[in-house]
Amino acid sequence: MAKRNETTKTQTVNALQARIADLKALLASYQNAGTNLAAAQAAQQTRQAQEWALQEVENQVQGVKQTSSAVTLSKVSNKQAPAKTTERQLPQTGNDEGLLVSALGMVLMVLATAFGIQKRKED
């Protein structure tokens, strides 16, 4: 009878120690909740910035495609002799390529920043 009581007490103590360990882990989780929430919010802001930048690039690419289609159509329909330039005139060049390169650079910068922030927070 005494041996059975001792075994029951030992099992109860072990169960209580396991429960204490679970509660300590839960407490640590709650204590880190603020930090985890802040990290999740920073990640969400970064993701939103990346989506915005990607949408901007897609819009610019679509604009360049539409502009080049319009230019091609106007060249085909207007078949005029090229205008003669004087010594003081410089030839015109398109600015769409520079805009596209700038947008792609901005997207790459946002991605590099996002991965850099995440790496520092994980360390």
PDB file of N, CA and C in Angstrom:
ATOM      1  N   MET A   1       0.813  -1.181   0.000  1.00  0.00           N
ATOM      2  CA  MET A   1       0.000   0.000   0.000  1.00  0.00           C
ATOM      3  C   MET A   1       0.870   1.263   0.000  1.00  0.00           C
ATOM      4  N   ALA A   2       1.914   1.282   0.826  1.00  0.00           N
ATOM      5  CA  ALA A   2       2.804   2.429   0.906  1.00  0.00           C
ATOM      6  C   ALA A   2       3.549   2.620  -0.410  1.00  0.00           C
ATOM      7  N   LYS A   3       3.941   1.502  -1.031  1.00  0.00           N
ATOM      8  CA  LYS A   3       4.647   1.579  -2.312  1.00  0.00           C
ATOM      9  C   LYS A   3       3.733   2.161  -3.385  1.00  0.00           C
ATOM     10  N   ARG A   4       2.456   1.772  -3.360  1.00  0.00           N
ATOM     11  CA  ARG A   4       1.503   2.296  -4.330  1.00  0.00           C
ATOM     12  C   ARG A   4       1.300   3.801  -4.131  1.00  0.00           C
ATOM     13  N   ASN A   5       1.187   4.224  -2.870  1.00  0.00           N
ATOM     14  CA  ASN A   5       1.045   5.652  -2.571  1.00  0.00           C
ATOM     15  C   ASN A   5       2.283   6.438  -3.034  1.00  0.00           C
ATOM     16  N   GLU A   6       3.437   5.873  -2.819  1.00  0.00           N
ATOM     17  CA  GLU A   6       4.686   6.535  -3.242  1.00  0.00           C
ATOM     18  C   GLU A   6       4.738   6.652  -4.770  1.00  0.00           C
ATOM     19  N   THR A   7       4.341   5.621  -5.479  1.00  0.00           N
ATOM     20  CA  THR A   7       4.309   5.643  -6.940  1.00  0.00           C
ATOM     21  C   THR A   7       3.322   6.693  -7.430  1.00  0.00           C
ATOM     22  N   THR A   8       2.150   6.764  -6.822  1.00  0.00           N
ATOM     23  CA  THR A   8       1.139   7.748  -7.199  1.00  0.00           C
ATOM     24  C   THR A   8       1.651   9.158  -6.959  1.00  0.00           C
ATOM     25  N   LYS A   9       2.306   9.375  -5.832  1.00  0.00           N
ATOM     26  CA  LYS A   9       2.854  10.695  -5.520  1.00  0.00           C
ATOM     27  C   LYS A   9       3.948  11.069  -6.523  1.00  0.00           C
ATOM     28  N   THR A  10       4.785  10.123  -6.881  1.00  0.00           N
ATOM     29  CA  THR A  10       5.858  10.371  -7.842  1.00  0.00           C
ATOM     30  C   THR A  10       5.270  10.745  -9.202  1.00  0.00           C
ATOM     31  N   GLN A  11       4.238  10.014  -9.622  1.00  0.00           N
ATOM     32  CA  GLN A  11       3.581  10.319 -10.894  1.00  0.00           C
ATOM     33  C   GLN A  11       2.931  11.700 -10.858  1.00  0.00           C
ATOM     34  N   THR A  12       2.323  12.037  -9.744  1.00  0.00           N
ATOM     35  CA  THR A  12       1.683  13.351  -9.606  1.00  0.00           C
ATOM     36  C   THR A  12       2.729  14.464  -9.674  1.00  0.00           C
ATOM     37  N   VAL A  13       3.850  14.279  -8.985  1.00  0.00           N
ATOM     38  CA  VAL A  13       4.932  15.276  -9.004  1.00  0.00           C
ATOM     39  C   VAL A  13       5.479  15.429 -10.424  1.00  0.00           C
ATOM     40  N   ASN A  14       5.684  14.343 -11.113  1.00  0.00           N
ATOM     41  CA  ASN A  14       6.188  14.405 -12.485  1.00  0.00           C
ATOM     42  C   ASN A  14       5.203  15.135 -13.408  1.00  0.00           C
ATOM     43  N   ALA A  15       3.921  14.854 -13.237  1.00  0.00           N
ATOM     44  CA  ALA A  15       2.905  15.512 -14.057  1.00  0.00           C
ATOM     45  C   ALA A  15       2.882  17.011 -13.769  1.00  0.00           C
ATOM     46  N   LEU A  16       2.986  17.360 -12.489  1.00  0.00           N
ATOM     47  CA  LEU A  16       3.000  18.783 -12.118  1.00  0.00           C
ATOM     48  C   LEU A  16       4.245  19.489 -12.640  1.00  0.00           C
ATOM     49  N   GLN A  17       5.384  18.829 -12.603  1.00  0.00           N
ATOM     50  CA  GLN A  17       6.615  19.432 -13.140  1.00  0.00           C
ATOM     51  C   GLN A  17       6.500  19.644 -14.648  1.00  0.00           C
ATOM     52  N   ALA A  18       5.889  18.709 -15.345  1.00  0.00           N
ATOM     53  CA  ALA A  18       5.683  18.867 -16.783  1.00  0.00           C
ATOM     54  C   ALA A  18       4.739  20.038 -17.059  1.00  0.00           C
ATOM     55  N   ARG A  19       3.705  20.168 -16.250  1.00  0.00           N
ATOM     56  CA  ARG A  19       2.752  21.281 -16.405  1.00  0.00           C
ATOM     57  C   ARG A  19       3.438  22.620 -16.132  1.00  0.00           C
ATOM     58  N   ILE A  20       4.299  22.659 -15.130  1.00  0.00           N
ATOM     59  CA  ILE A  20       5.055  23.882 -14.824  1.00  0.00           C
ATOM     60  C   ILE A  20       5.942  24.257 -16.006  1.00  0.00           C
ATOM     61  N   ALA A  21       6.604  23.279 -16.605  1.00  0.00           N
ATOM     62  CA  ALA A  21       7.454  23.550 -17.766  1.00  0.00           C
ATOM     63  C   ALA A  21       6.623  24.110 -18.925  1.00  0.00           C
ATOM     64  N   ASP A  22       5.420  23.544 -19.146  1.00  0.00           N
ATOM     65  CA  ASP A  22       4.539  24.048 -20.201  1.00  0.00           C
ATOM     66  C   ASP A  22       4.118  25.487 -19.921  1.00  0.00           C
ATOM     67  N   LEU A  23       3.781  25.778 -18.676  1.00  0.00           N
ATOM     68  CA  LEU A  23       3.359  27.136 -18.324  1.00  0.00           C
ATOM     69  C   LEU A  23       4.496  28.138 -18.455  1.00  0.00           C
ATOM     70  N   LYS A  24       5.725  27.719 -18.121  1.00  0.00           N
ATOM     71  CA  LYS A  24       6.887  28.602 -18.289  1.00  0.00           C
ATOM     72  C   LYS A  24       7.122  28.913 -19.764  1.00  0.00           C
ATOM     73  N   ALA A  25       6.952  27.914 -20.619  1.00  0.00           N
ATOM     74  CA  ALA A  25       7.103  28.123 -22.058  1.00  0.00           C
ATOM     75  C   ALA A  25       6.028  29.076 -22.576  1.00  0.00           C
ATOM     76  N   LEU A  26       4.805  28.918 -22.096  1.00  0.00           N
ATOM     77  CA  LEU A  26       3.709  29.795 -22.487  1.00  0.00           C
ATOM     78  C   LEU A  26       3.970  31.229 -22.025  1.00  0.00           C
ATOM     79  N   LEU A  27       4.483  31.384 -20.800  1.00  0.00           N
ATOM     80  CA  LEU A  27       4.821  32.707 -20.279  1.00  0.00           C
ATOM     81  C   LEU A  27       5.901  33.370 -21.135  1.00  0.00           C
ATOM     82  N   ALA A  28       6.913  32.613 -21.508  1.00  0.00           N
ATOM     83  CA  ALA A  28       7.971  33.156 -22.367  1.00  0.00           C
ATOM     84  C   ALA A  28       7.397  33.571 -23.716  1.00  0.00           C
ATOM     85  N   SER A  29       6.466  32.798 -24.232  1.00  0.00           N
ATOM     86  CA  SER A  29       5.818  33.133 -25.501  1.00  0.00           C
ATOM     87  C   SER A  29       5.056  34.447 -25.380  1.00  0.00           C
ATOM     88  N   TYR A  30       4.327  34.632 -24.309  1.00  0.00           N
ATOM     89  CA  TYR A  30       3.598  35.884 -24.090  1.00  0.00           C
ATOM     90  C   TYR A  30       4.547  37.062 -23.909  1.00  0.00           C
ATOM     91  N   GLN A  31       5.657  36.839 -23.235  1.00  0.00           N
ATOM     92  CA  GLN A  31       6.623  37.920 -23.029  1.00  0.00           C
ATOM     93  C   GLN A  31       7.265  38.351 -24.342  1.00  0.00           C
ATOM     94  N   ASN A  32       7.425  37.436 -25.288  1.00  0.00           N
ATOM     95  CA  ASN A  32       8.017  37.757 -26.593  1.00  0.00           C
ATOM     96  C   ASN A  32       6.976  38.188 -27.618  1.00  0.00           C
ATOM     97  N   ALA A  33       5.719  38.221 -27.247  1.00  0.00           N
ATOM     98  CA  ALA A  33       4.650  38.540 -28.196  1.00  0.00           C
ATOM     99  C   ALA A  33       4.818  39.944 -28.775  1.00  0.00           C
ATOM    100  N   GLY A  34       5.210  40.907 -27.958  1.00  0.00           N
ATOM    101  CA  GLY A  34       5.407  42.276 -28.446  1.00  0.00           C
ATOM    102  C   GLY A  34       6.490  42.343 -29.502  1.00  0.00           C
ATOM    103  N   THR A  35       7.593  41.683 -29.255  1.00  0.00           N
ATOM    104  CA  THR A  35       8.695  41.659 -30.219  1.00  0.00           C
ATOM    105  C   THR A  35       8.271  40.961 -31.501  1.00  0.00           C
ATOM    106  N   ASN A  36       7.585  39.833 -31.353  1.00  0.00           N
ATOM    107  CA  ASN A  36       7.126  39.093 -32.535  1.00  0.00           C
ATOM    108  C   ASN A  36       6.118  39.908 -33.343  1.00  0.00           C
ATOM    109  N   LEU A  37       5.248  40.629 -32.654  1.00  0.00           N
ATOM    110  CA  LEU A  37       4.265  41.473 -33.337  1.00  0.00           C
ATOM    111  C   LEU A  37       4.957  42.592 -34.106  1.00  0.00           C
ATOM    112  N   ALA A  38       5.945  43.239 -33.486  1.00  0.00           N
ATOM    113  CA  ALA A  38       6.680  44.324 -34.156  1.00  0.00           C
ATOM    114  C   ALA A  38       7.404  43.797 -35.391  1.00  0.00           C
ATOM    115  N   ALA A  39       8.007  42.635 -35.285  1.00  0.00           N
ATOM    116  CA  ALA A  39       8.710  42.052 -36.438  1.00  0.00           C
ATOM    117  C   ALA A  39       7.725  41.711 -37.555  1.00  0.00           C
ATOM    118  N   ALA A  40       6.563  41.207 -37.189  1.00  0.00           N
ATOM    119  CA  ALA A  40       5.563  40.863 -38.201  1.00  0.00           C
ATOM    120  C   ALA A  40       5.041  42.115 -38.903  1.00  0.00           C
ATOM    121  N   GLN A  41       4.854  43.205 -38.129  1.00  0.00           N
ATOM    122  CA  GLN A  41       4.394  44.459 -38.729  1.00  0.00           C
ATOM    123  C   GLN A  41       5.446  45.023 -39.680  1.00  0.00           C
ATOM    124  N   ALA A  42       6.752  44.973 -39.288  1.00  0.00           N
ATOM    125  CA  ALA A  42       7.828  45.463 -40.182  1.00  0.00           C
ATOM    126  C   ALA A  42       7.866  44.635 -41.434  1.00  0.00           C
ATOM    127  N   ALA A  43       7.659  43.293 -41.331  1.00  0.00           N
ATOM    128  CA  ALA A  43       7.664  42.415 -42.505  1.00  0.00           C
ATOM    129  C   ALA A  43       6.471  42.738 -43.404  1.00  0.00           C
ATOM    130  N   GLN A  44       5.315  43.038 -42.795  1.00  0.00           N
ATOM    131  CA  GLN A  44       4.133  43.365 -43.585  1.00  0.00           C
ATOM    132  C   GLN A  44       4.344  44.680 -44.336  1.00  0.00           C
ATOM    133  N   GLN A  45       4.940  45.662 -43.688  1.00  0.00           N
ATOM    134  CA  GLN A  45       5.210  46.938 -44.356  1.00  0.00           C
ATOM    135  C   GLN A  45       6.171  46.747 -45.512  1.00  0.00           C
ATOM    136  N   THR A  46       7.169  45.922 -45.327  1.00  0.00           N
ATOM    137  CA  THR A  46       8.132  45.644 -46.389  1.00  0.00           C
ATOM    138  C   THR A  46       7.455  44.950 -47.555  1.00  0.00           C
ATOM    139  N   ARG A  47       6.595  43.981 -47.253  1.00  0.00           N
ATOM    140  CA  ARG A  47       5.881  43.260 -48.304  1.00  0.00           C
ATOM    141  C   ARG A  47       4.974  44.210 -49.079  1.00  0.00           C
ATOM    142  N   GLN A  48       4.308  45.110 -48.380  1.00  0.00           N
ATOM    143  CA  GLN A  48       3.446  46.073 -49.052  1.00  0.00           C
ATOM    144  C   GLN A  48       4.262  47.007 -49.938  1.00  0.00           C
ATOM    145  N   ALA A  49       5.436  47.431 -49.463  1.00  0.00           N
ATOM    146  CA  ALA A  49       6.298  48.292 -50.279  1.00  0.00           C
ATOM    147  C   ALA A  49       6.777  47.550 -51.526  1.00  0.00           C
ATOM    148  N   GLN A  50       7.093  46.278 -51.368  1.00  0.00           N
ATOM    149  CA  GLN A  50       7.529  45.481 -52.515  1.00  0.00           C
ATOM    150  C   GLN A  50       6.396  45.321 -53.525  1.00  0.00           C
ATOM    151  N   GLU A  51       5.181  45.062 -53.032  1.00  0.00           N
ATOM    152  CA  GLU A  51       4.044  44.920 -53.936  1.00  0.00           C
ATOM    153  C   GLU A  51       3.776  46.229 -54.673  1.00  0.00           C
ATOM    154  N   TRP A  52       3.872  47.356 -53.959  1.00  0.00           N
ATOM    155  CA  TRP A  52       3.668  48.659 -54.579  1.00  0.00           C
ATOM    156  C   TRP A  52       4.710  48.908 -55.665  1.00  0.00           C
ATOM    157  N   ALA A  53       5.979  48.637 -55.353  1.00  0.00           N
ATOM    158  CA  ALA A  53       7.051  48.851 -56.326  1.00  0.00           C
ATOM    159  C   ALA A  53       6.864  47.946 -57.545  1.00  0.00           C
ATOM    160  N   LEU A  54       6.481  46.712 -57.313  1.00  0.00           N
ATOM    161  CA  LEU A  54       6.246  45.783 -58.422  1.00  0.00           C
ATOM    162  C   LEU A  54       5.092  46.263 -59.299  1.00  0.00           C
ATOM    163  N   GLN A  55       4.026  46.756 -58.670  1.00  0.00           N
ATOM    164  CA  GLN A  55       2.894  47.283 -59.431  1.00  0.00           C
ATOM    165  C   GLN A  55       3.316  48.491 -60.263  1.00  0.00           C
ATOM    166  N   GLU A  56       4.154  49.358 -59.686  1.00  0.00           N
ATOM    167  CA  GLU A  56       4.656  50.520 -60.420  1.00  0.00           C
ATOM    168  C   GLU A  56       5.459  50.088 -61.645  1.00  0.00           C
ATOM    169  N   VAL A  57       6.314  49.096 -61.471  1.00  0.00           N
ATOM    170  CA  VAL A  57       7.127  48.603 -62.588  1.00  0.00           C
ATOM    171  C   VAL A  57       6.232  48.002 -63.658  1.00  0.00           C
ATOM    172  N   GLU A  58       5.242  47.208 -63.239  1.00  0.00           N
ATOM    173  CA  GLU A  58       4.326  46.608 -64.217  1.00  0.00           C
ATOM    174  C   GLU A  58       3.557  47.684 -64.984  1.00  0.00           C
ATOM    175  N   ASN A  59       3.123  48.727 -64.276  1.00  0.00           N
ATOM    176  CA  ASN A  59       2.426  49.831 -64.946  1.00  0.00           C
ATOM    177  C   ASN A  59       3.342  50.530 -65.942  1.00  0.00           C
ATOM    178  N   GLN A  60       4.592  50.732 -65.563  1.00  0.00           N
ATOM    179  CA  GLN A  60       5.529  51.398 -66.458  1.00  0.00           C
ATOM    180  C   GLN A  60       5.843  50.526 -67.667  1.00  0.00           C
ATOM    181  N   VAL A  61       5.997  49.237 -67.458  1.00  0.00           N
ATOM    182  CA  VAL A  61       6.255  48.325 -68.573  1.00  0.00           C
ATOM    183  C   VAL A  61       5.068  48.340 -69.525  1.00  0.00           C
ATOM    184  N   GLN A  62       3.856  48.316 -68.977  1.00  0.00           N
ATOM    185  CA  GLN A  62       2.656  48.357 -69.804  1.00  0.00           C
ATOM    186  C   GLN A  62       2.607  49.668 -70.586  1.00  0.00           C
ATOM    187  N   GLY A  63       2.971  50.786 -69.931  1.00  0.00           N
ATOM    188  CA  GLY A  63       3.004  52.077 -70.612  1.00  0.00           C
ATOM    189  C   GLY A  63       4.026  52.104 -71.732  1.00  0.00           C
ATOM    190  N   VAL A  64       5.197  51.494 -71.506  1.00  0.00           N
ATOM    191  CA  VAL A  64       6.235  51.441 -72.541  1.00  0.00           C
ATOM    192  C   VAL A  64       5.750  50.603 -73.720  1.00  0.00           C
ATOM    193  N   LYS A  65       5.084  49.480 -73.442  1.00  0.00           N
ATOM    194  CA  LYS A  65       4.569  48.631 -74.524  1.00  0.00           C
ATOM    195  C   LYS A  65       3.533  49.397 -75.343  1.00  0.00           C
ATOM    196  N   GLN A  66       2.650  50.110 -74.677  1.00  0.00           N
ATOM    197  CA  GLN A  66       1.624  50.862 -75.393  1.00  0.00           C
ATOM    198  C   GLN A  66       2.245  51.994 -76.205  1.00  0.00           C
ATOM    199  N   THR A  67       3.243  52.671 -75.632  1.00  0.00           N
ATOM    200  CA  THR A  67       3.915  53.758 -76.338  1.00  0.00           C
ATOM    201  C   THR A  67       4.641  53.225 -77.564  1.00  0.00           C
ATOM    202  N   SER A  68       5.342  52.094 -77.434  1.00  0.00           N
ATOM    203  CA  SER A  68       6.058  51.559 -78.587  1.00  0.00           C
ATOM    204  C   SER A  68       5.096  51.085 -79.664  1.00  0.00           C
ATOM    205  N   SER A  69       3.931  50.563 -79.283  1.00  0.00           N
ATOM    206  CA  SER A  69       2.940  50.161 -80.285  1.00  0.00           C
ATOM    207  C   SER A  69       2.420  51.382 -81.034  1.00  0.00           C
ATOM    208  N   ALA A  70       2.161  52.459 -80.304  1.00  0.00           N
ATOM    209  CA  ALA A  70       1.658  53.680 -80.934  1.00  0.00           C
ATOM    210  C   ALA A  70       2.711  54.281 -81.859  1.00  0.00           C
ATOM    211  N   VAL A  71       3.968  54.267 -81.422  1.00  0.00           N
ATOM    212  CA  VAL A  71       5.052  54.805 -82.250  1.00  0.00           C
ATOM    213  C   VAL A  71       5.200  53.971 -83.516  1.00  0.00           C
ATOM    214  N   THR A  72       5.122  52.659 -83.405  1.00  0.00           N
ATOM    215  CA  THR A  72       5.248  51.784 -84.570  1.00  0.00           C
ATOM    216  C   THR A  72       4.107  52.050 -85.544  1.00  0.00           C
ATOM    217  N   LEU A  73       2.891  52.175 -85.026  1.00  0.00           N
ATOM    218  CA  LEU A  73       1.750  52.462 -85.894  1.00  0.00           C
ATOM    219  C   LEU A  73       1.899  53.808 -86.584  1.00  0.00           C
ATOM    220  N   SER A  74       2.352  54.815 -85.863  1.00  0.00           N
ATOM    221  CA  SER A  74       2.495  56.135 -86.476  1.00  0.00           C
ATOM    222  C   SER A  74       3.601  56.134 -87.517  1.00  0.00           C
ATOM    223  N   LYS A  75       4.655  55.388 -87.312  1.00  0.00           N
ATOM    224  CA  LYS A  75       5.734  55.304 -88.299  1.00  0.00           C
ATOM    225  C   LYS A  75       5.252  54.622 -89.572  1.00  0.00           C
ATOM    226  N   VAL A  76       4.461  53.580 -89.420  1.00  0.00           N
ATOM    227  CA  VAL A  76       3.967  52.846 -90.583  1.00  0.00           C
ATOM    228  C   VAL A  76       2.967  53.694 -91.353  1.00  0.00           C
ATOM    229  N   SER A  77       2.088  54.400 -90.658  1.00  0.00           N
ATOM    230  CA  SER A  77       1.042  55.150 -91.342  1.00  0.00           C
ATOM    231  C   SER A  77       1.532  56.484 -91.906  1.00  0.00           C
ATOM    232  N   ASN A  78       2.576  57.071 -91.339  1.00  0.00           N
ATOM    233  CA  ASN A  78       3.020  58.399 -91.764  1.00  0.00           C
ATOM    234  C   ASN A  78       4.190  58.396 -92.739  1.00  0.00           C
ATOM    235  N   LYS A  79       4.790  57.398 -93.040  1.00  0.00           N
ATOM    236  CA  LYS A  79       5.931  57.241 -93.960  1.00  0.00           C
ATOM    237  C   LYS A  79       6.371  58.572 -94.591  1.00  0.00           C
ATOM    238  N   GLN A  80       6.903  59.443 -93.799  1.00  0.00           N
ATOM    239  CA  GLN A  80       7.414  60.722 -94.272  1.00  0.00           C
ATOM    240  C   GLN A  80       8.933  60.685 -94.254  1.00  0.00           C
ATOM    241  N   ALA A  81       9.491  61.572 -95.010  1.00  0.00           N
ATOM    242  CA  ALA A  81      10.949  61.670 -95.020  1.00  0.00           C
ATOM    243  C   ALA A  81      11.388  62.234 -93.672  1.00  0.00           C
ATOM    244  N   PRO A  82      12.518  61.770 -93.145  1.00  0.00           N
ATOM    245  CA  PRO A  82      12.983  62.287 -91.863  1.00  0.00           C
ATOM    246  C   PRO A  82      13.310  63.770 -91.964  1.00  0.00           C
ATOM    247  N   ALA A  83      13.025  64.479 -90.899  1.00  0.00           N
ATOM    248  CA  ALA A  83      13.295  65.919 -90.882  1.00  0.00           C
ATOM    249  C   ALA A  83      14.792  66.154 -90.836  1.00  0.00           C
ATOM    250  N   LYS A  84      15.213  67.175 -91.567  1.00  0.00           N
ATOM    251  CA  LYS A  84      16.634  67.508 -91.571  1.00  0.00           C
ATOM    252  C   LYS A  84      16.938  68.326 -90.321  1.00  0.00           C
ATOM    253  N   THR A  85      18.057  67.997 -89.675  1.00  0.00           N
ATOM    254  CA  THR A  85      18.439  68.721 -88.471  1.00  0.00           C
ATOM    255  C   THR A  85      19.468  69.776 -88.829  1.00  0.00           C
ATOM    256  N   THR A  86      19.409  70.844 -88.099  1.00  0.00           N
ATOM    257  CA  THR A  86      20.406  71.895 -88.295  1.00  0.00           C
ATOM    258  C   THR A  86      21.547  71.641 -87.335  1.00  0.00           C
ATOM    259  N   GLU A  87      22.557  72.464 -87.424  1.00  0.00           N
ATOM    260  CA  GLU A  87      23.721  72.283 -86.562  1.00  0.00           C
ATOM    261  C   GLU A  87      23.373  72.515 -85.095  1.00  0.00           C
ATOM    262  N   ARG A  88      22.356  73.303 -84.829  1.00  0.00           N
ATOM    263  CA  ARG A  88      22.018  73.640 -83.449  1.00  0.00           C
ATOM    264  C   ARG A  88      21.016  72.658 -82.827  1.00  0.00           C
ATOM    265  N   GLN A  89      20.458  71.782 -83.583  1.00  0.00           N
ATOM    266  CA  GLN A  89      19.480  70.843 -83.064  1.00  0.00           C
ATOM    267  C   GLN A  89      20.137  69.524 -82.691  1.00  0.00           C
ATOM    268  N   LEU A  90      19.722  68.981 -81.562  1.00  0.00           N
ATOM    269  CA  LEU A  90      20.191  67.662 -81.152  1.00  0.00           C
ATOM    270  C   LEU A  90      19.063  66.656 -81.378  1.00  0.00           C
ATOM    271  N   PRO A  91      19.413  65.437 -81.736  1.00  0.00           N
ATOM    272  CA  PRO A  91      18.352  64.440 -81.941  1.00  0.00           C
ATOM    273  C   PRO A  91      17.662  64.105 -80.620  1.00  0.00           C
ATOM    274  N   GLN A  92      16.373  63.818 -80.688  1.00  0.00           N
ATOM    275  CA  GLN A  92      15.596  63.457 -79.507  1.00  0.00           C
ATOM    276  C   GLN A  92      15.737  61.964 -79.230  1.00  0.00           C
ATOM    277  N   THR A  93      15.816  61.643 -77.959  1.00  0.00           N
ATOM    278  CA  THR A  93      15.860  60.230 -77.567  1.00  0.00           C
ATOM    279  C   THR A  93      14.735  59.981 -76.585  1.00  0.00           C
ATOM    280  N   GLY A  94      14.319  58.730 -76.464  1.00  0.00           N
ATOM    281  CA  GLY A  94      13.228  58.375 -75.561  1.00  0.00           C
ATOM    282  C   GLY A  94      13.681  58.365 -74.112  1.00  0.00           C
ATOM    283  N   ASN A  95      12.795  58.766 -73.228  1.00  0.00           N
ATOM    284  CA  ASN A  95      13.082  58.748 -71.796  1.00  0.00           C
ATOM    285  C   ASN A  95      12.471  57.535 -71.110  1.00  0.00           C
ATOM    286  N   ASP A  96      11.717  56.745 -71.854  1.00  0.00           N
ATOM    287  CA  ASP A  96      11.044  55.591 -71.253  1.00  0.00           C
ATOM    288  C   ASP A  96      12.035  54.551 -70.743  1.00  0.00           C
ATOM    289  N   GLU A  97      13.129  54.363 -71.422  1.00  0.00           N
ATOM    290  CA  GLU A  97      14.115  53.353 -71.001  1.00  0.00           C
ATOM    291  C   GLU A  97      14.730  53.735 -69.658  1.00  0.00           C
ATOM    292  N   GLY A  98      15.046  55.014 -69.498  1.00  0.00           N
ATOM    293  CA  GLY A  98      15.614  55.461 -68.223  1.00  0.00           C
ATOM    294  C   GLY A  98      14.633  55.304 -67.083  1.00  0.00           C
ATOM    295  N   LEU A  99      13.366  55.560 -67.340  1.00  0.00           N
ATOM    296  CA  LEU A  99      12.329  55.422 -66.331  1.00  0.00           C
ATOM    297  C   LEU A  99      12.174  53.963 -65.917  1.00  0.00           C
ATOM    298  N   LEU A 100      12.209  53.073 -66.885  1.00  0.00           N
ATOM    299  CA  LEU A 100      12.091  51.644 -66.591  1.00  0.00           C
ATOM    300  C   LEU A 100      13.285  51.150 -65.776  1.00  0.00           C
ATOM    301  N   VAL A 101      14.468  51.584 -66.146  1.00  0.00           N
ATOM    302  CA  VAL A 101      15.677  51.183 -65.410  1.00  0.00           C
ATOM    303  C   VAL A 101      15.617  51.720 -63.985  1.00  0.00           C
ATOM    304  N   SER A 102      15.143  52.954 -63.811  1.00  0.00           N
ATOM    305  CA  SER A 102      15.016  53.530 -62.472  1.00  0.00           C
ATOM    306  C   SER A 102      14.032  52.725 -61.626  1.00  0.00           C
ATOM    307  N   ALA A 103      12.917  52.338 -62.215  1.00  0.00           N
ATOM    308  CA  ALA A 103      11.916  51.562 -61.480  1.00  0.00           C
ATOM    309  C   ALA A 103      12.460  50.188 -61.095  1.00  0.00           C
ATOM    310  N   LEU A 104      13.165  49.551 -62.000  1.00  0.00           N
ATOM    311  CA  LEU A 104      13.755  48.245 -61.678  1.00  0.00           C
ATOM    312  C   LEU A 104      14.795  48.386 -60.575  1.00  0.00           C
ATOM    313  N   GLY A 105      15.564  49.455 -60.619  1.00  0.00           N
ATOM    314  CA  GLY A 105      16.550  49.708 -59.562  1.00  0.00           C
ATOM    315  C   GLY A 105      15.877  49.911 -58.216  1.00  0.00           C
ATOM    316  N   MET A 106      14.735  50.605 -58.227  1.00  0.00           N
ATOM    317  CA  MET A 106      14.000  50.832 -56.991  1.00  0.00           C
ATOM    318  C   MET A 106      13.484  49.507 -56.425  1.00  0.00           C
ATOM    319  N   VAL A 107      12.980  48.633 -57.282  1.00  0.00           N
ATOM    320  CA  VAL A 107      12.500  47.333 -56.822  1.00  0.00           C
ATOM    321  C   VAL A 107      13.644  46.519 -56.221  1.00  0.00           C
ATOM    322  N   LEU A 108      14.785  46.521 -56.877  1.00  0.00           N
ATOM    323  CA  LEU A 108      15.936  45.777 -56.349  1.00  0.00           C
ATOM    324  C   LEU A 108      16.380  46.351 -55.009  1.00  0.00           C
ATOM    325  N   MET A 109      16.337  47.663 -54.868  1.00  0.00           N
ATOM    326  CA  MET A 109      16.731  48.290 -53.607  1.00  0.00           C
ATOM    327  C   MET A 109      15.767  47.895 -52.493  1.00  0.00           C
ATOM    328  N   VAL A 110      14.463  47.871 -52.781  1.00  0.00           N
ATOM    329  CA  VAL A 110      13.468  47.480 -51.779  1.00  0.00           C
ATOM    330  C   VAL A 110      13.690  46.034 -51.361  1.00  0.00           C
ATOM    331  N   LEU A 111      13.943  45.166 -52.328  1.00  0.00           N
ATOM    332  CA  LEU A 111      14.183  43.751 -52.000  1.00  0.00           C
ATOM    333  C   LEU A 111      15.442  43.578 -51.164  1.00  0.00           C
ATOM    334  N   ALA A 112      16.500  44.278 -51.536  1.00  0.00           N
ATOM    335  CA  ALA A 112      17.753  44.176 -50.773  1.00  0.00           C
ATOM    336  C   ALA A 112      17.557  44.686 -49.356  1.00  0.00           C
ATOM    337  N   THR A 113      16.810  45.774 -49.203  1.00  0.00           N
ATOM    338  CA  THR A 113      16.540  46.315 -47.878  1.00  0.00           C
ATOM    339  C   THR A 113      15.715  45.336 -47.059  1.00  0.00           C
ATOM    340  N   ALA A 114      14.721  44.736 -47.676  1.00  0.00           N
ATOM    341  CA  ALA A 114      13.853  43.801 -46.951  1.00  0.00           C
ATOM    342  C   ALA A 114      14.648  42.600 -46.444  1.00  0.00           C
ATOM    343  N   PHE A 115      15.486  42.040 -47.282  1.00  0.00           N
ATOM    344  CA  PHE A 115      16.267  40.891 -46.845  1.00  0.00           C
ATOM    345  C   PHE A 115      17.314  41.297 -45.816  1.00  0.00           C
ATOM    346  N   GLY A 116      17.839  42.482 -45.918  1.00  0.00           N
ATOM    347  CA  GLY A 116      18.815  42.955 -44.940  1.00  0.00           C
ATOM    348  C   GLY A 116      18.187  43.148 -43.576  1.00  0.00           C
ATOM    349  N   ILE A 117      16.966  43.695 -43.525  1.00  0.00           N
ATOM    350  CA  ILE A 117      16.269  43.892 -42.259  1.00  0.00           C
ATOM    351  C   ILE A 117      15.940  42.550 -41.626  1.00  0.00           C
ATOM    352  N   GLN A 118      15.447  41.629 -42.423  1.00  0.00           N
ATOM    353  CA  GLN A 118      15.092  40.325 -41.895  1.00  0.00           C
ATOM    354  C   GLN A 118      16.313  39.608 -41.336  1.00  0.00           C
ATOM    355  N   LYS A 119      17.445  39.717 -42.007  1.00  0.00           N
ATOM    356  CA  LYS A 119      18.645  39.027 -41.552  1.00  0.00           C
ATOM    357  C   LYS A 119      19.097  39.565 -40.204  1.00  0.00           C
ATOM    358  N   ARG A 120      19.038  40.895 -40.025  1.00  0.00           N
ATOM    359  CA  ARG A 120      19.455  41.479 -38.760  1.00  0.00           C
ATOM    360  C   ARG A 120      18.529  41.068 -37.632  1.00  0.00           C
ATOM    361  N   LYS A 121      17.240  40.984 -37.884  1.00  0.00           N
ATOM    362  CA  LYS A 121      16.303  40.624 -36.835  1.00  0.00           C
ATOM    363  C   LYS A 121      16.455  39.168 -36.422  1.00  0.00           C
ATOM    364  N   GLU A 122      16.828  38.301 -37.369  1.00  0.00           N
ATOM    365  CA  GLU A 122      17.021  36.887 -37.038  1.00  0.00           C
ATOM    366  C   GLU A 122      18.268  36.670 -36.199  1.00  0.00           C
ATOM    367  N   ASP A 123      19.293  37.503 -36.425  1.00  0.00           N
ATOM    368  CA  ASP A 123      20.529  37.373 -35.642  1.00  0.00           C
ATOM    369  C   ASP A 123      20.236  37.796 -34.252  1.00  0.00           C
TER     370      ASP A 123
END
